[in-house]
Structures are given as C-alpha cells and as structure tokens.
Amino acid sequence: MRRIMTVWLLAASLAAGMVNSNVYGAGNSGGATSAAMAEVSGSDGTYMAGAEFGLPEKLELAEDVKAAGGEFASATPIRLGNAINGSITETADHRLYQFTLSESGRVTLDLTSYMQYCSLYIYGSDGAQIWCDEYNEWNANLKYFKETYDIDLTNGAYYLKVTGYQRGEWKGSTGTYGIATKFASAGESCTEPNNDFREASVIGINGTVRGQIAENDRYDVYQFSMQKPGRIGLTMTYYMKYNSIY
C-alpha cells in the first residue's frame, strides 16, 4: 500500500529583538549559501506540535485585533518613492504618516534631520509598534543628522511616526527634516501569511522558492509531499545575519 507523507519546512530568523538587520533583499550585503540533505521518513503529530523536533515554542504569531484609532486616523497618506518634508515645532512634537504595501518587501527611509534629536517609529494597522530607531543626535558642528534605514515588512497598512525626541518624550528638540522613501519587492513565491502550520504554503519538491523574513514576520512555513521515503536536497541562499531551517 502506497503511503503519502506530508512534511513541513520552516525558515526562521533567530535575530529576535534586533534592529536594522538586513533581512532579505537583492542587494550585495551579506549573501551566503548553504546546502543540506534531509532524510525524510514521514510525518505524524509530533511534527505539528513542534516539541519533539525542537521547533520555536511560539510558532504561531499572536493576533492583535485592536484597531488603530485616535491620532492614527488623521495620519497623512504618503506614497513610497516620494519624499517627505516636515517640521517639529513647540506645539507639534511629532508627525504621523500612513503608507500601504500591496506586497512584501523592503522599505528604505533616507533621513536628513535638522533637529538636535530625532526618532522614527513604524506601527502596524492595529497600532502596535513594529520598528523604531532612537537615541539619534545631530553633529554639533554641522547641525544635522543623516541615516538610511532598510526595513523589511509584509504587505499591509503601516504608520510612520517622526519625533524631535531622543527617546520617548525625553530630550525634545524642534526643527525640520526630510525623508526620501523607496520600496523594493521581495518577490516572494508564496503569499503571506504563512507563519504557522495551518497557513503553510504548499510547494513542490523540484523548484525554487523565494521568501522574506520581515520585522513583523519571523517565520515562513512550507508544506511538500513525498510518495515514498527518500532524500531531498536543499540549497539555500540567504541575506540575513542569522538563519535557521527546520
């Protein structure tokens, strides 16, 4: 009797809590390639539970259903690829912008701040903070601060917050700023979300899969089937400082 075996493949970034990591991109930074041979004998409940094989404890991402309200509703819509120019004043200590990604990819923010202090934050559509950069201070002689950020995000709606504080509401300053924006698609082979076994993307054994690990997407899970026990070869090229596959 022929038995069909179902296998789950999990790609994950273990850089939890890291900021400004180059995750996925077609650029020249940090590319590495590895090859692995996996003995596959079948599947049962232990694969799905993930405990016996040492999978991350929190494979499923918690859902936050609260809506972004209050000041987020009045955020200024922007289109990535255009420049943002604004100012922080004594009566307006922050500015909010809203943008939408139709697909997963890398958002680039090229910041020039003419304030003594400046902080940037990105929030999801539910108002939860996803990314931030704080503790920035201008060059005392040049009177400006400049930095470029690459932030990997999945498709969806986001909010960008600019403040004149060094952190939170500590050490405030006023002045102007400019942000050049850019977006590059990750060109994922499978649609998001595919963060747990229930959402796993079905793939074939022979072929290439292109994916992205983002600030708000720590796992990608793929499912493939085999008609009989055997050996599969996995050759992986990744643009992440850290990477694990299960």
Protein backbone atom coordinates (compact mmCIF):
# COMPACT_ATOMS: atom_id res chain seq x y z
CA MET A 1 0.00 0.00 0.00
CA ARG A 2 1.47 3.37 -1.03
CA ARG A 3 1.68 5.95 1.73
CA ILE A 4 1.86 9.70 1.04
CA MET A 5 3.97 11.61 3.55
CA THR A 6 3.47 15.28 4.31
CA VAL A 7 6.40 17.34 5.53
CA TRP A 8 6.63 20.89 6.86
CA LEU A 9 9.61 23.12 6.18
CA LEU A 10 10.18 26.11 8.44
CA ALA A 11 12.50 29.02 7.70
CA ALA A 12 13.10 31.43 10.57
CA SER A 13 15.20 34.34 11.69
CA LEU A 14 16.58 33.97 15.21
CA ALA A 15 17.53 37.64 15.43
CA ALA A 16 14.63 38.44 17.76
CA GLY A 17 14.87 41.95 19.13
CA MET A 18 17.48 43.05 16.60
CA VAL A 19 17.04 46.43 14.92
CA ASN A 20 18.17 47.39 11.41
CA SER A 21 19.20 43.87 10.40
CA ASN A 22 19.45 43.38 6.66
CA VAL A 23 16.98 40.58 6.19
CA TYR A 24 16.01 39.85 2.62
CA GLY A 25 17.00 41.74 -0.47
CA ALA A 26 18.57 41.55 -3.87
CA GLY A 27 21.45 43.78 -2.82
CA ASN A 28 25.08 42.93 -2.27
CA SER A 29 25.04 42.71 1.51
CA GLY A 30 25.92 39.52 3.30
CA GLY A 31 24.78 36.84 0.89
CA ALA A 32 25.55 33.27 1.93
CA THR A 33 24.71 29.87 0.53
CA SER A 34 24.34 26.56 2.30
CA ALA A 35 23.35 23.09 1.22
CA ALA A 36 21.66 20.40 3.32
CA MET A 37 20.50 16.84 2.77
CA ALA A 38 17.46 15.77 4.78
CA GLU A 39 16.35 12.21 5.48
CA VAL A 40 12.55 12.17 5.31
CA SER A 41 10.66 9.21 6.70
CA GLY A 42 7.16 10.56 7.21
CA SER A 43 5.00 12.79 9.41
CA ASP A 44 2.82 12.45 12.46
CA GLY A 45 1.52 14.60 15.29
CA THR A 46 4.97 15.40 16.61
CA TYR A 47 5.73 17.47 13.51
CA MET A 48 2.69 19.64 14.07
CA ALA A 49 3.29 20.04 17.79
CA GLY A 50 6.87 21.01 17.10
CA ALA A 51 8.11 19.97 20.53
CA GLU A 52 9.98 16.75 19.78
CA PHE A 53 11.99 18.33 16.97
CA GLY A 54 12.92 21.49 18.84
CA LEU A 55 10.89 24.00 16.82
CA PRO A 56 10.48 27.50 18.27
CA GLU A 57 7.99 27.47 21.14
CA LYS A 58 5.86 30.28 19.74
CA LEU A 59 5.41 29.27 16.15
CA GLU A 60 2.05 30.97 15.86
CA LEU A 61 2.12 34.77 15.92
CA ALA A 62 -0.39 36.29 18.31
CA GLU A 63 -3.23 38.18 16.68
CA ASP A 64 -3.85 41.72 17.84
CA VAL A 65 -7.34 42.70 16.77
CA LYS A 66 -7.45 46.20 18.24
CA ALA A 67 -7.93 48.92 15.63
CA ALA A 68 -5.57 51.83 15.21
CA GLY A 69 -7.60 54.78 16.47
CA GLY A 70 -7.18 58.30 17.77
CA GLU A 71 -4.43 60.26 16.07
CA PHE A 72 -3.62 57.41 13.66
CA ALA A 73 -6.89 58.12 11.88
CA SER A 74 -5.60 61.59 10.90
CA ALA A 75 -2.18 60.40 9.63
CA THR A 76 -1.04 61.95 6.35
CA PRO A 77 -1.13 59.41 3.46
CA ILE A 78 2.15 59.07 1.55
CA ARG A 79 3.32 57.03 -1.44
CA LEU A 80 6.68 55.28 -1.20
CA GLY A 81 9.05 56.61 -3.83
CA ASN A 82 8.21 60.20 -2.95
CA ALA A 83 9.98 62.49 -0.47
CA ILE A 84 8.59 63.62 2.88
CA ASN A 85 9.38 67.10 4.18
CA GLY A 86 8.14 68.28 7.55
CA SER A 87 8.92 70.06 10.78
CA ILE A 88 8.64 69.55 14.52
CA THR A 89 7.52 72.62 16.47
CA GLU A 90 6.80 73.61 20.05
CA THR A 91 3.12 72.75 19.50
CA ALA A 92 3.59 69.67 17.29
CA ASP A 93 6.18 67.33 18.80
CA HIS A 94 5.59 64.54 16.25
CA ARG A 95 4.22 63.85 12.76
CA LEU A 96 2.34 60.78 11.53
CA TYR A 97 2.26 59.33 8.00
CA GLN A 98 0.38 56.35 6.60
CA PHE A 99 1.50 54.07 3.73
CA THR A 100 0.33 50.77 2.29
CA LEU A 101 2.31 47.87 0.80
CA SER A 102 0.49 45.73 -1.76
CA GLU A 103 3.21 43.07 -1.41
CA SER A 104 6.02 42.15 0.95
CA GLY A 105 9.35 43.89 0.50
CA ARG A 106 11.95 46.34 1.77
CA VAL A 107 11.12 49.92 2.71
CA THR A 108 14.08 52.32 2.57
CA LEU A 109 13.99 55.59 4.53
CA ASP A 110 16.79 58.08 3.84
CA LEU A 111 16.54 60.58 6.71
CA THR A 112 18.11 64.02 6.98
CA SER A 113 17.18 65.74 10.24
CA TYR A 114 17.99 69.33 11.16
CA MET A 115 16.95 68.74 14.77
CA GLN A 116 19.25 68.05 17.68
CA TYR A 117 17.35 64.83 18.36
CA CYS A 118 15.18 62.67 16.14
CA SER A 119 13.40 59.32 16.47
CA LEU A 120 11.45 57.21 13.95
CA TYR A 121 8.76 54.61 14.62
CA ILE A 122 6.71 52.25 12.41
CA TYR A 123 3.36 50.87 13.59
CA GLY A 124 1.07 48.26 12.08
CA SER A 125 -2.58 48.78 11.16
CA ASP A 126 -3.53 47.72 14.69
CA GLY A 127 -1.40 50.47 16.22
CA ALA A 128 1.24 48.06 17.58
CA GLN A 129 4.85 49.23 17.26
CA ILE A 130 6.86 47.11 14.80
CA TRP A 131 10.15 49.01 14.42
CA CYS A 132 11.93 52.06 15.82
CA ASP A 133 15.22 53.95 15.79
CA GLU A 134 16.01 56.22 18.74
CA TYR A 135 18.91 57.96 20.51
CA ASN A 136 19.86 59.95 17.42
CA GLU A 137 21.68 63.27 17.88
CA TRP A 138 22.92 65.69 15.24
CA ASN A 139 26.55 66.59 14.55
CA ALA A 140 27.05 69.65 16.76
CA ASN A 141 29.21 71.37 14.13
CA LEU A 142 27.14 70.53 11.03
CA LYS A 143 23.77 70.92 12.79
CA TYR A 144 22.15 67.90 11.11
CA PHE A 145 21.83 64.12 11.39
CA LYS A 146 21.68 61.73 8.43
CA GLU A 147 20.90 57.99 8.32
CA THR A 148 19.49 55.41 5.91
CA TYR A 149 17.24 52.60 7.12
CA ASP A 150 16.18 49.38 5.39
CA ILE A 151 13.05 47.87 6.97
CA ASP A 152 11.59 44.58 5.72
CA LEU A 153 7.79 44.39 6.03
CA THR A 154 4.95 42.20 4.80
CA ASN A 155 2.07 43.54 2.75
CA GLY A 156 -0.40 45.72 4.65
CA ALA A 157 -1.04 49.22 6.03
CA TYR A 158 1.54 51.00 8.21
CA TYR A 159 2.13 54.25 10.07
CA LEU A 160 5.42 56.16 10.23
CA LYS A 161 5.98 58.48 13.19
CA VAL A 162 8.67 61.17 13.31
CA THR A 163 9.52 62.92 16.60
CA GLY A 164 12.02 65.50 17.82
CA TYR A 165 12.80 63.49 20.92
CA GLN A 166 15.89 61.43 21.63
CA ARG A 167 13.66 58.66 23.03
CA GLY A 168 10.00 58.59 24.03
CA GLU A 169 9.42 62.12 25.34
CA TRP A 170 12.93 62.64 26.68
CA LYS A 171 15.22 65.44 25.45
CA GLY A 172 12.98 67.18 22.94
CA SER A 173 14.05 69.43 20.05
CA THR A 174 12.45 71.28 17.14
CA GLY A 175 13.40 71.82 13.51
CA THR A 176 12.89 70.45 10.02
CA TYR A 177 13.54 67.08 8.40
CA GLY A 178 13.40 65.36 5.04
CA ILE A 179 12.89 61.65 4.27
CA ALA A 180 13.44 60.13 0.83
CA THR A 181 11.44 56.89 0.57
CA LYS A 182 11.81 53.80 -1.60
CA PHE A 183 10.29 50.33 -1.86
CA ALA A 184 11.67 47.10 -3.38
CA SER A 185 9.52 43.99 -3.64
CA ALA A 186 10.85 40.80 -2.07
CA GLY A 187 9.39 38.84 -4.99
CA GLU A 188 8.04 36.12 -2.71
CA SER A 189 6.95 32.90 -4.38
CA CYS A 190 4.14 32.34 -1.88
CA THR A 191 1.65 34.74 -0.39
CA GLU A 192 1.68 35.86 3.23
CA PRO A 193 0.78 34.92 5.83
CA ASN A 194 2.46 31.52 6.01
CA ASN A 195 3.64 31.79 9.61
CA ASP A 196 2.35 28.52 11.07
CA PHE A 197 1.38 25.01 10.01
CA ARG A 198 -2.26 25.95 9.39
CA GLU A 199 -1.15 28.65 6.91
CA ALA A 200 1.72 26.68 5.34
CA SER A 201 2.37 27.38 1.66
CA VAL A 202 2.21 24.24 -0.49
CA ILE A 203 5.32 23.83 -2.66
CA GLY A 204 6.77 21.18 -4.96
CA ILE A 205 10.00 19.29 -4.33
CA ASN A 206 11.70 20.34 -7.56
CA GLY A 207 11.91 24.12 -7.97
CA THR A 208 12.95 27.36 -6.32
CA VAL A 209 11.14 29.18 -3.53
CA ARG A 210 11.84 32.84 -2.80
CA GLY A 211 10.81 34.26 0.58
CA GLN A 212 11.34 37.03 3.09
CA ILE A 213 11.76 37.21 6.86
CA ALA A 214 10.47 40.62 7.95
CA GLU A 215 10.27 42.78 11.06
CA ASN A 216 6.69 41.57 11.51
CA ASP A 217 7.09 38.10 10.00
CA ARG A 218 9.60 35.88 11.82
CA TYR A 219 8.66 32.54 10.24
CA ASP A 220 7.86 31.15 6.80
CA VAL A 221 6.34 27.65 6.71
CA TYR A 222 6.12 25.50 3.57
CA GLN A 223 4.48 22.11 3.03
CA PHE A 224 5.50 19.47 0.48
CA SER A 225 4.59 15.81 -0.04
CA MET A 226 6.57 12.69 -0.96
CA GLN A 227 5.20 9.46 -2.42
CA LYS A 228 7.81 7.34 -0.62
CA PRO A 229 10.71 7.71 1.84
CA GLY A 230 13.84 9.28 0.40
CA ARG A 231 16.39 12.06 0.47
CA ILE A 232 15.80 15.67 -0.54
CA GLY A 233 18.45 18.28 -1.28
CA LEU A 234 18.07 21.87 -0.10
CA THR A 235 20.37 24.60 -1.42
CA MET A 236 19.69 27.91 0.29
CA THR A 237 20.96 31.45 -0.38
CA TYR A 238 20.07 33.93 2.34
CA TYR A 239 20.68 37.63 3.00
CA MET A 240 20.33 37.55 6.77
CA LYS A 241 22.88 37.77 9.54
CA TYR A 242 21.31 34.67 11.13
CA ASN A 243 19.17 31.92 9.65
CA SER A 244 17.67 28.60 10.72
CA ILE A 245 15.72 25.95 8.84
CA TYR A 246 13.74 23.06 10.28
